[in-house]
Amino acid sequence: KNDGQHGVKQELKGKKMLTKSFNSSAPDSRVKFKKHSSTFRLAVEEYNNKKLEIQKRKEEIKHRKEETKQALQRYKEIKAIKMKTLSRKTKKGQPVMKYRMQNLLERIQNGLK
């Protein structure tokens, strides 16, 4: 009985070996494996592309915020300079008309352009 059982195991091993060697040489099994790996690879690429898009969006948003911040800062600086010149007073407390006239002239010239 031991020889018979041992013989069956060998036959099973032989069949497994045959099926393994048959499957490894079959082109269909390779195609299926490649399809599986390519779908995985495609999923990874899609994930990476989405990640890059999100990163680009974040960078664009950051860039826009920085631009608006700089523009606001420039606007505030110009406004402060104008207010400083327009708020000048004479010794008697009257506004200095020279700066007011310059401001009006600039407004008119900018309006004509």
N, C-alpha and C. Protein backbone atom coordinates (compact mmCIF):
# COMPACT_ATOMS: atom_id res chain seq x y z
N LYS A 1 0.82 -1.19 0.00
CA LYS A 1 0.00 0.00 0.00
C LYS A 1 0.86 1.25 0.00
N ASN A 2 1.94 1.23 0.70
CA ASN A 2 2.81 2.41 0.74
C ASN A 2 3.34 2.74 -0.65
N ASP A 3 3.71 1.68 -1.40
CA ASP A 3 4.22 1.92 -2.75
C ASP A 3 3.13 2.49 -3.65
N GLY A 4 1.92 2.04 -3.46
CA GLY A 4 0.81 2.52 -4.30
C GLY A 4 0.50 3.99 -4.01
N GLN A 5 0.48 4.32 -2.71
CA GLN A 5 0.20 5.71 -2.37
C GLN A 5 1.34 6.61 -2.85
N HIS A 6 2.54 6.08 -2.69
CA HIS A 6 3.70 6.86 -3.12
C HIS A 6 3.67 7.05 -4.63
N GLY A 7 3.25 6.05 -5.33
CA GLY A 7 3.16 6.12 -6.79
C GLY A 7 2.12 7.15 -7.22
N VAL A 8 1.01 7.24 -6.47
CA VAL A 8 -0.04 8.20 -6.80
C VAL A 8 0.49 9.62 -6.59
N LYS A 9 1.23 9.80 -5.52
CA LYS A 9 1.78 11.13 -5.25
C LYS A 9 2.72 11.54 -6.37
N GLN A 10 3.50 10.57 -6.82
CA GLN A 10 4.41 10.88 -7.92
C GLN A 10 3.63 11.23 -9.18
N GLU A 11 2.55 10.50 -9.41
CA GLU A 11 1.74 10.81 -10.59
C GLU A 11 1.13 12.20 -10.45
N LEU A 12 0.65 12.51 -9.22
CA LEU A 12 0.07 13.83 -9.01
C LEU A 12 1.13 14.91 -9.20
N LYS A 13 2.30 14.61 -8.65
CA LYS A 13 3.39 15.56 -8.82
C LYS A 13 3.71 15.71 -10.30
N GLY A 14 3.70 14.60 -10.97
CA GLY A 14 3.98 14.62 -12.41
C GLY A 14 2.93 15.42 -13.16
N LYS A 15 1.65 15.25 -12.79
CA LYS A 15 0.59 16.00 -13.46
C LYS A 15 0.72 17.49 -13.16
N LYS A 16 1.03 17.79 -11.90
CA LYS A 16 1.21 19.19 -11.54
C LYS A 16 2.36 19.79 -12.33
N MET A 17 3.42 19.00 -12.42
CA MET A 17 4.58 19.49 -13.15
C MET A 17 4.23 19.68 -14.62
N LEU A 18 3.46 18.74 -15.15
CA LEU A 18 3.06 18.86 -16.54
C LEU A 18 2.17 20.09 -16.73
N THR A 19 1.20 20.25 -15.84
CA THR A 19 0.31 21.40 -15.98
C THR A 19 1.08 22.70 -15.78
N LYS A 20 2.01 22.72 -14.85
CA LYS A 20 2.81 23.92 -14.63
C LYS A 20 3.65 24.23 -15.87
N SER A 21 4.30 23.21 -16.38
CA SER A 21 5.15 23.44 -17.54
C SER A 21 4.29 23.80 -18.75
N PHE A 22 3.10 23.23 -18.86
CA PHE A 22 2.20 23.55 -19.97
C PHE A 22 1.70 24.99 -19.86
N ASN A 23 1.31 25.38 -18.64
CA ASN A 23 0.80 26.74 -18.44
C ASN A 23 1.89 27.79 -18.64
N SER A 24 3.08 27.48 -18.22
CA SER A 24 4.15 28.47 -18.34
C SER A 24 4.53 28.70 -19.80
N SER A 25 4.38 27.67 -20.64
CA SER A 25 4.74 27.84 -22.04
C SER A 25 3.58 28.37 -22.88
N ALA A 26 2.36 28.39 -22.33
CA ALA A 26 1.20 28.85 -23.10
C ALA A 26 1.21 30.37 -23.20
N PRO A 27 1.02 30.92 -24.39
CA PRO A 27 1.02 32.37 -24.54
C PRO A 27 -0.23 33.03 -23.93
N ASP A 28 -1.34 32.27 -23.85
CA ASP A 28 -2.57 32.84 -23.30
C ASP A 28 -2.41 33.23 -21.84
N SER A 29 -1.72 32.39 -21.07
CA SER A 29 -1.54 32.70 -19.66
C SER A 29 -0.70 33.96 -19.49
N ARG A 30 0.26 34.18 -20.37
CA ARG A 30 1.09 35.38 -20.31
C ARG A 30 0.24 36.62 -20.61
N VAL A 31 -0.63 36.51 -21.58
CA VAL A 31 -1.47 37.63 -21.95
C VAL A 31 -2.38 38.00 -20.79
N LYS A 32 -2.96 37.00 -20.15
CA LYS A 32 -3.82 37.26 -19.01
C LYS A 32 -3.03 37.95 -17.90
N PHE A 33 -1.83 37.48 -17.66
CA PHE A 33 -1.00 38.07 -16.62
C PHE A 33 -0.64 39.49 -17.00
N LYS A 34 -0.30 39.71 -18.26
CA LYS A 34 0.03 41.06 -18.70
C LYS A 34 -1.17 41.98 -18.58
N LYS A 35 -2.35 41.48 -18.92
CA LYS A 35 -3.54 42.30 -18.78
C LYS A 35 -3.73 42.69 -17.33
N HIS A 36 -3.54 41.75 -16.44
CA HIS A 36 -3.70 42.04 -15.02
C HIS A 36 -2.67 43.07 -14.58
N SER A 37 -1.44 42.85 -14.99
CA SER A 37 -0.40 43.79 -14.57
C SER A 37 -0.60 45.14 -15.23
N SER A 38 -1.08 45.16 -16.48
CA SER A 38 -1.29 46.44 -17.13
C SER A 38 -2.46 47.19 -16.50
N THR A 39 -3.49 46.48 -16.07
CA THR A 39 -4.60 47.17 -15.40
C THR A 39 -4.11 47.76 -14.09
N PHE A 40 -3.29 47.02 -13.40
CA PHE A 40 -2.72 47.55 -12.15
C PHE A 40 -1.83 48.75 -12.45
N ARG A 41 -1.00 48.59 -13.48
CA ARG A 41 -0.11 49.68 -13.87
C ARG A 41 -0.93 50.91 -14.29
N LEU A 42 -2.02 50.68 -15.02
CA LEU A 42 -2.88 51.79 -15.43
C LEU A 42 -3.50 52.46 -14.22
N ALA A 43 -3.91 51.67 -13.24
CA ALA A 43 -4.50 52.24 -12.03
C ALA A 43 -3.47 53.08 -11.29
N VAL A 44 -2.25 52.60 -11.22
CA VAL A 44 -1.18 53.35 -10.55
C VAL A 44 -0.90 54.64 -11.31
N GLU A 45 -0.84 54.57 -12.64
CA GLU A 45 -0.60 55.77 -13.44
C GLU A 45 -1.74 56.77 -13.27
N GLU A 46 -2.97 56.27 -13.26
CA GLU A 46 -4.13 57.14 -13.07
C GLU A 46 -4.06 57.84 -11.72
N TYR A 47 -3.69 57.09 -10.69
CA TYR A 47 -3.55 57.66 -9.35
C TYR A 47 -2.47 58.74 -9.35
N ASN A 48 -1.34 58.44 -9.98
CA ASN A 48 -0.25 59.42 -10.03
C ASN A 48 -0.66 60.67 -10.81
N ASN A 49 -1.40 60.48 -11.91
CA ASN A 49 -1.87 61.63 -12.69
C ASN A 49 -2.82 62.49 -11.87
N LYS A 50 -3.74 61.86 -11.14
CA LYS A 50 -4.66 62.62 -10.29
C LYS A 50 -3.89 63.38 -9.22
N LYS A 51 -2.89 62.71 -8.66
CA LYS A 51 -2.07 63.34 -7.62
C LYS A 51 -1.34 64.56 -8.18
N LEU A 52 -0.81 64.44 -9.40
CA LEU A 52 -0.12 65.56 -10.04
C LEU A 52 -1.09 66.70 -10.33
N GLU A 53 -2.31 66.36 -10.79
CA GLU A 53 -3.31 67.40 -11.07
C GLU A 53 -3.66 68.15 -9.79
N ILE A 54 -3.86 67.43 -8.71
CA ILE A 54 -4.18 68.07 -7.43
C ILE A 54 -3.03 68.97 -7.00
N GLN A 55 -1.81 68.50 -7.17
CA GLN A 55 -0.65 69.29 -6.79
C GLN A 55 -0.55 70.55 -7.66
N LYS A 56 -0.83 70.42 -8.96
CA LYS A 56 -0.80 71.59 -9.85
C LYS A 56 -1.87 72.59 -9.45
N ARG A 57 -3.07 72.10 -9.12
CA ARG A 57 -4.14 73.00 -8.69
C ARG A 57 -3.74 73.75 -7.43
N LYS A 58 -3.15 73.03 -6.49
CA LYS A 58 -2.71 73.68 -5.25
C LYS A 58 -1.66 74.75 -5.53
N GLU A 59 -0.73 74.45 -6.43
CA GLU A 59 0.30 75.42 -6.78
C GLU A 59 -0.31 76.64 -7.46
N GLU A 60 -1.29 76.41 -8.36
CA GLU A 60 -1.96 77.52 -9.03
C GLU A 60 -2.69 78.40 -8.02
N ILE A 61 -3.39 77.77 -7.10
CA ILE A 61 -4.11 78.53 -6.07
C ILE A 61 -3.13 79.33 -5.22
N LYS A 62 -2.04 78.69 -4.85
CA LYS A 62 -1.02 79.38 -4.05
C LYS A 62 -0.44 80.56 -4.82
N HIS A 63 -0.18 80.36 -6.12
CA HIS A 63 0.37 81.42 -6.96
C HIS A 63 -0.62 82.58 -7.08
N ARG A 64 -1.90 82.28 -7.27
CA ARG A 64 -2.92 83.33 -7.36
C ARG A 64 -3.02 84.12 -6.06
N LYS A 65 -3.01 83.40 -4.94
CA LYS A 65 -3.08 84.08 -3.65
C LYS A 65 -1.89 85.01 -3.45
N GLU A 66 -0.72 84.53 -3.85
CA GLU A 66 0.49 85.34 -3.72
C GLU A 66 0.40 86.59 -4.60
N GLU A 67 -0.09 86.43 -5.83
CA GLU A 67 -0.24 87.58 -6.73
C GLU A 67 -1.22 88.60 -6.16
N THR A 68 -2.36 88.12 -5.66
CA THR A 68 -3.35 89.04 -5.11
C THR A 68 -2.80 89.75 -3.87
N LYS A 69 -2.04 89.01 -3.08
CA LYS A 69 -1.45 89.61 -1.88
C LYS A 69 -0.47 90.71 -2.26
N GLN A 70 0.37 90.46 -3.27
CA GLN A 70 1.33 91.46 -3.72
C GLN A 70 0.61 92.67 -4.32
N ALA A 71 -0.44 92.42 -5.11
CA ALA A 71 -1.19 93.52 -5.71
C ALA A 71 -1.84 94.38 -4.63
N LEU A 72 -2.40 93.74 -3.62
CA LEU A 72 -3.03 94.46 -2.52
C LEU A 72 -1.99 95.29 -1.76
N GLN A 73 -0.82 94.72 -1.57
CA GLN A 73 0.25 95.43 -0.86
C GLN A 73 0.68 96.67 -1.66
N ARG A 74 0.84 96.50 -3.00
CA ARG A 74 1.20 97.64 -3.84
C ARG A 74 0.13 98.73 -3.79
N TYR A 75 -1.14 98.30 -3.84
CA TYR A 75 -2.25 99.25 -3.78
C TYR A 75 -2.23 100.02 -2.46
N LYS A 76 -2.01 99.32 -1.36
CA LYS A 76 -1.97 99.98 -0.05
C LYS A 76 -0.81 100.96 0.05
N GLU A 77 0.35 100.60 -0.51
CA GLU A 77 1.50 101.50 -0.49
C GLU A 77 1.20 102.78 -1.27
N ILE A 78 0.62 102.64 -2.46
CA ILE A 78 0.29 103.81 -3.28
C ILE A 78 -0.74 104.67 -2.58
N LYS A 79 -1.73 104.03 -1.99
CA LYS A 79 -2.78 104.76 -1.28
C LYS A 79 -2.20 105.53 -0.09
N ALA A 80 -1.28 104.89 0.63
CA ALA A 80 -0.65 105.55 1.78
C ALA A 80 0.15 106.77 1.34
N ILE A 81 0.87 106.65 0.22
CA ILE A 81 1.65 107.78 -0.28
C ILE A 81 0.71 108.93 -0.68
N LYS A 82 -0.38 108.60 -1.37
CA LYS A 82 -1.34 109.64 -1.77
C LYS A 82 -1.96 110.32 -0.56
N MET A 83 -2.32 109.52 0.42
CA MET A 83 -2.94 110.09 1.62
C MET A 83 -1.96 110.99 2.37
N LYS A 84 -0.71 110.59 2.37
CA LYS A 84 0.31 111.39 3.05
C LYS A 84 0.46 112.75 2.37
N THR A 85 0.50 112.72 1.03
CA THR A 85 0.65 113.99 0.31
C THR A 85 -0.61 114.85 0.40
N LEU A 86 -1.79 114.22 0.32
CA LEU A 86 -3.04 114.98 0.35
C LEU A 86 -3.37 115.51 1.74
N SER A 87 -2.85 114.89 2.75
CA SER A 87 -3.17 115.32 4.11
C SER A 87 -2.22 116.40 4.63
N ARG A 88 -1.29 116.84 3.81
CA ARG A 88 -0.37 117.91 4.23
C ARG A 88 -1.16 119.21 4.44
N LYS A 89 -0.74 119.93 5.43
CA LYS A 89 -1.42 121.19 5.79
C LYS A 89 -0.41 122.33 5.83
N THR A 90 -0.92 123.52 5.63
CA THR A 90 -0.08 124.72 5.78
C THR A 90 0.05 125.06 7.26
N LYS A 91 0.78 126.12 7.55
CA LYS A 91 0.95 126.54 8.95
C LYS A 91 -0.37 126.94 9.57
N LYS A 92 -1.25 127.46 8.76
CA LYS A 92 -2.55 127.90 9.28
C LYS A 92 -3.58 126.77 9.33
N GLY A 93 -3.20 125.55 8.85
CA GLY A 93 -4.11 124.41 8.91
C GLY A 93 -4.88 124.15 7.63
N GLN A 94 -4.62 124.94 6.61
CA GLN A 94 -5.30 124.74 5.33
C GLN A 94 -4.58 123.65 4.53
N PRO A 95 -5.31 122.89 3.69
CA PRO A 95 -4.65 121.87 2.86
C PRO A 95 -3.75 122.51 1.81
N VAL A 96 -2.63 121.84 1.51
CA VAL A 96 -1.72 122.34 0.49
C VAL A 96 -2.34 122.02 -0.87
N MET A 97 -2.64 123.05 -1.64
CA MET A 97 -3.38 122.88 -2.89
C MET A 97 -2.51 122.29 -4.01
N LYS A 98 -1.21 122.43 -3.90
CA LYS A 98 -0.31 121.92 -4.93
C LYS A 98 -0.54 120.41 -5.15
N TYR A 99 -0.61 119.66 -4.07
CA TYR A 99 -0.75 118.20 -4.17
C TYR A 99 -2.16 117.81 -4.61
N ARG A 100 -3.14 118.59 -4.22
CA ARG A 100 -4.51 118.32 -4.65
C ARG A 100 -4.65 118.56 -6.15
N MET A 101 -4.02 119.60 -6.65
CA MET A 101 -4.07 119.90 -8.08
C MET A 101 -3.33 118.82 -8.88
N GLN A 102 -2.21 118.33 -8.36
CA GLN A 102 -1.48 117.24 -9.03
C GLN A 102 -2.34 115.99 -9.10
N ASN A 103 -3.04 115.70 -8.01
CA ASN A 103 -3.91 114.52 -7.96
C ASN A 103 -5.03 114.65 -8.99
N LEU A 104 -5.66 115.83 -9.07
CA LEU A 104 -6.72 116.05 -10.05
C LEU A 104 -6.19 115.92 -11.48
N LEU A 105 -5.00 116.45 -11.74
CA LEU A 105 -4.40 116.36 -13.07
C LEU A 105 -4.14 114.90 -13.45
N GLU A 106 -3.61 114.10 -12.52
CA GLU A 106 -3.37 112.68 -12.78
C GLU A 106 -4.67 111.95 -13.09
N ARG A 107 -5.73 112.24 -12.35
CA ARG A 107 -7.03 111.60 -12.59
C ARG A 107 -7.54 111.93 -13.99
N ILE A 108 -7.42 113.19 -14.37
CA ILE A 108 -7.90 113.61 -15.70
C ILE A 108 -7.09 112.94 -16.80
N GLN A 109 -5.77 112.91 -16.63
CA GLN A 109 -4.92 112.27 -17.64
C GLN A 109 -5.19 110.77 -17.75
N ASN A 110 -5.40 110.10 -16.62
CA ASN A 110 -5.71 108.67 -16.65
C ASN A 110 -7.08 108.42 -17.26
N GLY A 111 -8.02 109.34 -17.06
CA GLY A 111 -9.36 109.19 -17.62
C GLY A 111 -9.37 109.35 -19.13
N LEU A 112 -8.48 110.17 -19.67
CA LEU A 112 -8.41 110.38 -21.11
C LEU A 112 -7.79 109.20 -21.83
N LYS A 113 -6.94 108.45 -21.16
CA LYS A 113 -6.27 107.30 -21.78
C LYS A 113 -7.24 106.19 -21.89
